Amino acid sequence: MSTLALFESMSILSAGMVEAAQANDWDQLVALEHEMADIRAELMRIEPDGRQAADQSEADAARKAALITAMLRNDEEIRHHVEPWLASTRKLLGGAQRDRAVRSAYGAFGP
């Protein structure tokens, strides 16, 4: 598969990740991220130094740049939805950890 086709696939996955984040479908978001990681690994195998092929046309280079720009915008949108969820999860886990520490320190006399 060509690198441009891989970037096209990543862009499609990225758009799906936005939809999953907007729907708070974290399982789907994680599944799509795993697919994205597989494609990224394939890209690294094809272009280990990250350089574009010398025979790439200007049109292909422009398309690749447009796809990367779209994926960066999608990443920003995903973070917009994920960051509040992560913050609340951190808070919840931090409270549970603090509760365990108090119970450990004070035994049955703790909260």
N, C-alpha and C. Protein backbone atom coordinates (compact mmCIF):
# COMPACT_ATOMS: atom_id res chain seq x y z
N MET A 1 0.86 -1.18 0.00
CA MET A 1 0.00 0.00 0.00
C MET A 1 0.90 1.24 0.00
N SER A 2 0.53 2.24 -0.78
CA SER A 2 1.33 3.45 -0.86
C SER A 2 1.18 4.29 0.41
N THR A 3 2.14 5.15 0.63
CA THR A 3 2.06 6.01 1.82
C THR A 3 0.85 6.93 1.73
N LEU A 4 0.53 7.41 0.52
CA LEU A 4 -0.65 8.28 0.38
C LEU A 4 -1.92 7.53 0.76
N ALA A 5 -2.03 6.28 0.36
CA ALA A 5 -3.20 5.47 0.72
C ALA A 5 -3.26 5.27 2.23
N LEU A 6 -2.10 5.09 2.86
CA LEU A 6 -2.07 4.94 4.32
C LEU A 6 -2.53 6.23 5.00
N PHE A 7 -2.08 7.37 4.49
CA PHE A 7 -2.53 8.65 5.04
C PHE A 7 -4.03 8.84 4.85
N GLU A 8 -4.55 8.40 3.70
CA GLU A 8 -5.99 8.46 3.45
C GLU A 8 -6.74 7.63 4.50
N SER A 9 -6.23 6.43 4.76
CA SER A 9 -6.85 5.56 5.77
C SER A 9 -6.80 6.18 7.15
N MET A 10 -5.67 6.78 7.47
CA MET A 10 -5.54 7.43 8.78
C MET A 10 -6.52 8.60 8.91
N SER A 11 -6.71 9.33 7.83
CA SER A 11 -7.64 10.46 7.86
C SER A 11 -9.07 9.99 8.11
N ILE A 12 -9.44 8.89 7.47
CA ILE A 12 -10.78 8.33 7.67
C ILE A 12 -10.95 7.88 9.13
N LEU A 13 -9.93 7.20 9.66
CA LEU A 13 -9.97 6.77 11.06
C LEU A 13 -10.05 7.98 11.99
N SER A 14 -9.30 9.01 11.68
CA SER A 14 -9.28 10.22 12.49
C SER A 14 -10.67 10.84 12.55
N ALA A 15 -11.37 10.89 11.43
CA ALA A 15 -12.74 11.43 11.41
C ALA A 15 -13.66 10.55 12.26
N GLY A 16 -13.47 9.24 12.18
CA GLY A 16 -14.26 8.34 13.02
C GLY A 16 -13.97 8.53 14.50
N MET A 17 -12.72 8.85 14.82
CA MET A 17 -12.36 9.10 16.21
C MET A 17 -13.05 10.36 16.73
N VAL A 18 -13.19 11.37 15.87
CA VAL A 18 -13.91 12.58 16.26
C VAL A 18 -15.36 12.22 16.60
N GLU A 19 -15.99 11.44 15.74
CA GLU A 19 -17.38 11.03 15.98
C GLU A 19 -17.51 10.25 17.28
N ALA A 20 -16.57 9.35 17.52
CA ALA A 20 -16.62 8.56 18.75
C ALA A 20 -16.43 9.45 19.97
N ALA A 21 -15.52 10.41 19.90
CA ALA A 21 -15.29 11.32 21.03
C ALA A 21 -16.52 12.18 21.27
N GLN A 22 -17.13 12.68 20.21
CA GLN A 22 -18.33 13.50 20.36
C GLN A 22 -19.47 12.72 20.99
N ALA A 23 -19.52 11.42 20.71
CA ALA A 23 -20.57 10.55 21.26
C ALA A 23 -20.19 9.95 22.61
N ASN A 24 -19.02 10.32 23.12
CA ASN A 24 -18.50 9.73 24.37
C ASN A 24 -18.42 8.20 24.28
N ASP A 25 -18.12 7.71 23.10
CA ASP A 25 -17.97 6.27 22.88
C ASP A 25 -16.48 5.92 23.01
N TRP A 26 -16.05 5.79 24.26
CA TRP A 26 -14.63 5.62 24.54
C TRP A 26 -14.09 4.30 24.03
N ASP A 27 -14.90 3.25 24.05
CA ASP A 27 -14.45 1.96 23.54
C ASP A 27 -14.15 2.05 22.04
N GLN A 28 -15.05 2.69 21.31
CA GLN A 28 -14.84 2.86 19.87
C GLN A 28 -13.62 3.74 19.61
N LEU A 29 -13.47 4.79 20.39
CA LEU A 29 -12.33 5.68 20.23
C LEU A 29 -11.02 4.92 20.42
N VAL A 30 -10.96 4.09 21.43
CA VAL A 30 -9.74 3.30 21.68
C VAL A 30 -9.51 2.30 20.55
N ALA A 31 -10.57 1.66 20.07
CA ALA A 31 -10.42 0.70 18.98
C ALA A 31 -9.88 1.39 17.72
N LEU A 32 -10.41 2.56 17.42
CA LEU A 32 -9.93 3.30 16.25
C LEU A 32 -8.49 3.76 16.44
N GLU A 33 -8.13 4.14 17.66
CA GLU A 33 -6.76 4.55 17.93
C GLU A 33 -5.80 3.39 17.72
N HIS A 34 -6.21 2.18 18.08
CA HIS A 34 -5.37 1.01 17.85
C HIS A 34 -5.18 0.77 16.35
N GLU A 35 -6.25 0.95 15.57
CA GLU A 35 -6.13 0.82 14.12
C GLU A 35 -5.17 1.88 13.57
N MET A 36 -5.29 3.09 14.11
CA MET A 36 -4.41 4.18 13.69
C MET A 36 -2.96 3.83 14.00
N ALA A 37 -2.72 3.26 15.16
CA ALA A 37 -1.35 2.88 15.55
C ALA A 37 -0.79 1.83 14.61
N ASP A 38 -1.63 0.90 14.17
CA ASP A 38 -1.17 -0.13 13.22
C ASP A 38 -0.74 0.51 11.90
N ILE A 39 -1.51 1.47 11.43
CA ILE A 39 -1.16 2.15 10.18
C ILE A 39 0.11 2.97 10.37
N ARG A 40 0.22 3.64 11.51
CA ARG A 40 1.43 4.41 11.80
C ARG A 40 2.66 3.50 11.79
N ALA A 41 2.52 2.31 12.34
CA ALA A 41 3.64 1.35 12.34
C ALA A 41 3.99 0.95 10.91
N GLU A 42 2.99 0.76 10.08
CA GLU A 42 3.23 0.43 8.68
C GLU A 42 3.95 1.57 7.96
N LEU A 43 3.54 2.81 8.25
CA LEU A 43 4.23 3.97 7.67
C LEU A 43 5.69 4.01 8.09
N MET A 44 5.94 3.72 9.35
CA MET A 44 7.31 3.71 9.86
C MET A 44 8.14 2.61 9.19
N ARG A 45 7.49 1.53 8.84
CA ARG A 45 8.19 0.45 8.15
C ARG A 45 8.55 0.87 6.72
N ILE A 46 7.60 1.55 6.06
CA ILE A 46 7.81 1.96 4.68
C ILE A 46 8.78 3.14 4.59
N GLU A 47 8.60 4.12 5.46
CA GLU A 47 9.43 5.33 5.46
C GLU A 47 10.05 5.51 6.85
N PRO A 48 11.06 4.70 7.20
CA PRO A 48 11.61 4.74 8.55
C PRO A 48 12.18 6.09 8.96
N ASP A 49 12.68 6.85 7.98
CA ASP A 49 13.26 8.15 8.34
C ASP A 49 12.23 9.28 8.23
N GLY A 50 11.00 8.95 7.83
CA GLY A 50 9.93 9.94 7.74
C GLY A 50 10.02 10.84 6.53
N ARG A 51 10.92 10.55 5.63
CA ARG A 51 11.08 11.38 4.43
C ARG A 51 10.16 10.89 3.33
N GLN A 52 9.68 11.81 2.55
CA GLN A 52 8.82 11.46 1.44
C GLN A 52 9.64 10.84 0.32
N ALA A 53 9.01 9.98 -0.44
CA ALA A 53 9.68 9.36 -1.57
C ALA A 53 10.06 10.43 -2.59
N ALA A 54 11.23 10.28 -3.19
CA ALA A 54 11.72 11.26 -4.15
C ALA A 54 10.83 11.34 -5.39
N ASP A 55 10.16 10.25 -5.70
CA ASP A 55 9.32 10.22 -6.90
C ASP A 55 7.87 10.68 -6.63
N GLN A 56 7.62 11.24 -5.47
CA GLN A 56 6.27 11.68 -5.14
C GLN A 56 5.93 12.96 -5.93
N SER A 57 4.77 12.98 -6.52
CA SER A 57 4.36 14.15 -7.30
C SER A 57 3.98 15.30 -6.37
N GLU A 58 3.96 16.49 -6.94
CA GLU A 58 3.54 17.66 -6.15
C GLU A 58 2.11 17.51 -5.69
N ALA A 59 1.27 16.94 -6.52
CA ALA A 59 -0.14 16.75 -6.17
C ALA A 59 -0.26 15.79 -4.98
N ASP A 60 0.52 14.71 -5.02
CA ASP A 60 0.49 13.75 -3.90
C ASP A 60 1.01 14.39 -2.62
N ALA A 61 2.07 15.18 -2.74
CA ALA A 61 2.62 15.86 -1.56
C ALA A 61 1.61 16.84 -0.99
N ALA A 62 0.91 17.56 -1.86
CA ALA A 62 -0.11 18.50 -1.41
C ALA A 62 -1.27 17.77 -0.75
N ARG A 63 -1.66 16.63 -1.32
CA ARG A 63 -2.75 15.84 -0.73
C ARG A 63 -2.35 15.32 0.63
N LYS A 64 -1.12 14.84 0.74
CA LYS A 64 -0.62 14.34 2.02
C LYS A 64 -0.61 15.45 3.07
N ALA A 65 -0.17 16.65 2.67
CA ALA A 65 -0.17 17.79 3.59
C ALA A 65 -1.58 18.14 4.04
N ALA A 66 -2.53 18.09 3.11
CA ALA A 66 -3.93 18.38 3.45
C ALA A 66 -4.48 17.34 4.42
N LEU A 67 -4.13 16.09 4.20
CA LEU A 67 -4.59 15.02 5.10
C LEU A 67 -4.01 15.20 6.50
N ILE A 68 -2.74 15.54 6.57
CA ILE A 68 -2.10 15.75 7.88
C ILE A 68 -2.74 16.93 8.59
N THR A 69 -3.01 18.00 7.85
CA THR A 69 -3.67 19.17 8.45
C THR A 69 -5.04 18.80 8.99
N ALA A 70 -5.80 18.03 8.23
CA ALA A 70 -7.13 17.59 8.68
C ALA A 70 -7.02 16.72 9.92
N MET A 71 -6.03 15.83 9.95
CA MET A 71 -5.86 14.97 11.12
C MET A 71 -5.47 15.77 12.36
N LEU A 72 -4.68 16.81 12.17
CA LEU A 72 -4.32 17.66 13.31
C LEU A 72 -5.54 18.41 13.84
N ARG A 73 -6.41 18.87 12.93
CA ARG A 73 -7.65 19.51 13.37
C ARG A 73 -8.55 18.50 14.11
N ASN A 74 -8.60 17.29 13.57
CA ASN A 74 -9.39 16.25 14.23
C ASN A 74 -8.83 15.94 15.62
N ASP A 75 -7.52 15.90 15.73
CA ASP A 75 -6.88 15.64 17.02
C ASP A 75 -7.28 16.71 18.03
N GLU A 76 -7.31 17.95 17.58
CA GLU A 76 -7.71 19.05 18.47
C GLU A 76 -9.17 18.87 18.93
N GLU A 77 -10.02 18.47 18.01
CA GLU A 77 -11.43 18.25 18.36
C GLU A 77 -11.57 17.06 19.31
N ILE A 78 -10.83 16.02 19.08
CA ILE A 78 -10.87 14.85 19.96
C ILE A 78 -10.44 15.25 21.37
N ARG A 79 -9.34 15.98 21.46
CA ARG A 79 -8.85 16.43 22.77
C ARG A 79 -9.89 17.31 23.48
N HIS A 80 -10.62 18.11 22.72
CA HIS A 80 -11.66 18.97 23.29
C HIS A 80 -12.70 18.13 24.04
N HIS A 81 -12.98 16.94 23.53
CA HIS A 81 -13.97 16.06 24.17
C HIS A 81 -13.36 15.13 25.21
N VAL A 82 -12.12 14.72 24.99
CA VAL A 82 -11.49 13.73 25.86
C VAL A 82 -10.93 14.36 27.14
N GLU A 83 -10.34 15.53 27.03
CA GLU A 83 -9.69 16.14 28.19
C GLU A 83 -10.62 16.31 29.40
N PRO A 84 -11.84 16.81 29.25
CA PRO A 84 -12.73 16.90 30.42
C PRO A 84 -13.03 15.53 31.04
N TRP A 85 -13.21 14.53 30.19
CA TRP A 85 -13.48 13.18 30.69
C TRP A 85 -12.26 12.66 31.44
N LEU A 86 -11.06 12.89 30.90
CA LEU A 86 -9.84 12.44 31.58
C LEU A 86 -9.67 13.17 32.92
N ALA A 87 -9.98 14.46 32.94
CA ALA A 87 -9.85 15.22 34.18
C ALA A 87 -10.78 14.68 35.25
N SER A 88 -12.03 14.37 34.87
CA SER A 88 -12.96 13.83 35.87
C SER A 88 -12.55 12.44 36.31
N THR A 89 -12.00 11.65 35.39
CA THR A 89 -11.52 10.31 35.74
C THR A 89 -10.33 10.41 36.70
N ARG A 90 -9.41 11.33 36.41
CA ARG A 90 -8.27 11.54 37.32
C ARG A 90 -8.75 11.94 38.71
N LYS A 91 -9.72 12.83 38.75
CA LYS A 91 -10.26 13.29 40.03
C LYS A 91 -10.90 12.12 40.79
N LEU A 92 -11.68 11.32 40.08
CA LEU A 92 -12.33 10.17 40.69
C LEU A 92 -11.30 9.18 41.21
N LEU A 93 -10.31 8.88 40.40
CA LEU A 93 -9.27 7.93 40.83
C LEU A 93 -8.43 8.51 41.96
N GLY A 94 -8.16 9.80 41.92
CA GLY A 94 -7.40 10.44 43.00
C GLY A 94 -8.15 10.37 44.31
N GLY A 95 -9.48 10.57 44.27
CA GLY A 95 -10.30 10.49 45.48
C GLY A 95 -10.32 9.09 46.04
N ALA A 96 -10.39 8.10 45.16
CA ALA A 96 -10.39 6.71 45.61
C ALA A 96 -9.05 6.35 46.23
N GLN A 97 -7.98 6.84 45.64
CA GLN A 97 -6.64 6.57 46.18
C GLN A 97 -6.48 7.23 47.55
N ARG A 98 -6.96 8.45 47.68
CA ARG A 98 -6.88 9.16 48.95
C ARG A 98 -7.70 8.41 50.01
N ASP A 99 -8.87 7.93 49.63
CA ASP A 99 -9.72 7.18 50.55
C ASP A 99 -9.01 5.92 51.03
N ARG A 100 -8.35 5.20 50.12
CA ARG A 100 -7.60 4.00 50.52
C ARG A 100 -6.47 4.35 51.47
N ALA A 101 -5.80 5.46 51.21
CA ALA A 101 -4.69 5.87 52.07
C ALA A 101 -5.19 6.20 53.48
N VAL A 102 -6.34 6.86 53.58
CA VAL A 102 -6.91 7.20 54.89
C VAL A 102 -7.31 5.92 55.61
N ARG A 103 -7.98 5.03 54.90
CA ARG A 103 -8.39 3.76 55.52
C ARG A 103 -7.17 2.96 55.98
N SER A 104 -6.12 2.99 55.18
CA SER A 104 -4.91 2.27 55.55
C SER A 104 -4.28 2.89 56.79
N ALA A 105 -4.29 4.21 56.86
CA ALA A 105 -3.66 4.90 57.99
C ALA A 105 -4.48 4.78 59.28
N TYR A 106 -5.81 4.87 59.16
CA TYR A 106 -6.64 4.94 60.35
C TYR A 106 -7.51 3.70 60.57
N GLY A 107 -7.45 2.75 59.67
CA GLY A 107 -8.20 1.53 59.83
C GLY A 107 -9.70 1.79 59.85
N ALA A 108 -10.39 1.13 60.76
CA ALA A 108 -11.86 1.24 60.86
C ALA A 108 -12.31 2.61 61.31
N PHE A 109 -11.43 3.42 61.85
CA PHE A 109 -11.82 4.75 62.33
C PHE A 109 -11.86 5.81 61.23
N GLY A 110 -11.39 5.43 60.03
CA GLY A 110 -11.36 6.37 58.91
C GLY A 110 -12.75 6.59 58.34
N PRO A 111 -12.86 7.46 57.34
CA PRO A 111 -14.15 7.77 56.73
C PRO A 111 -14.78 6.60 56.05
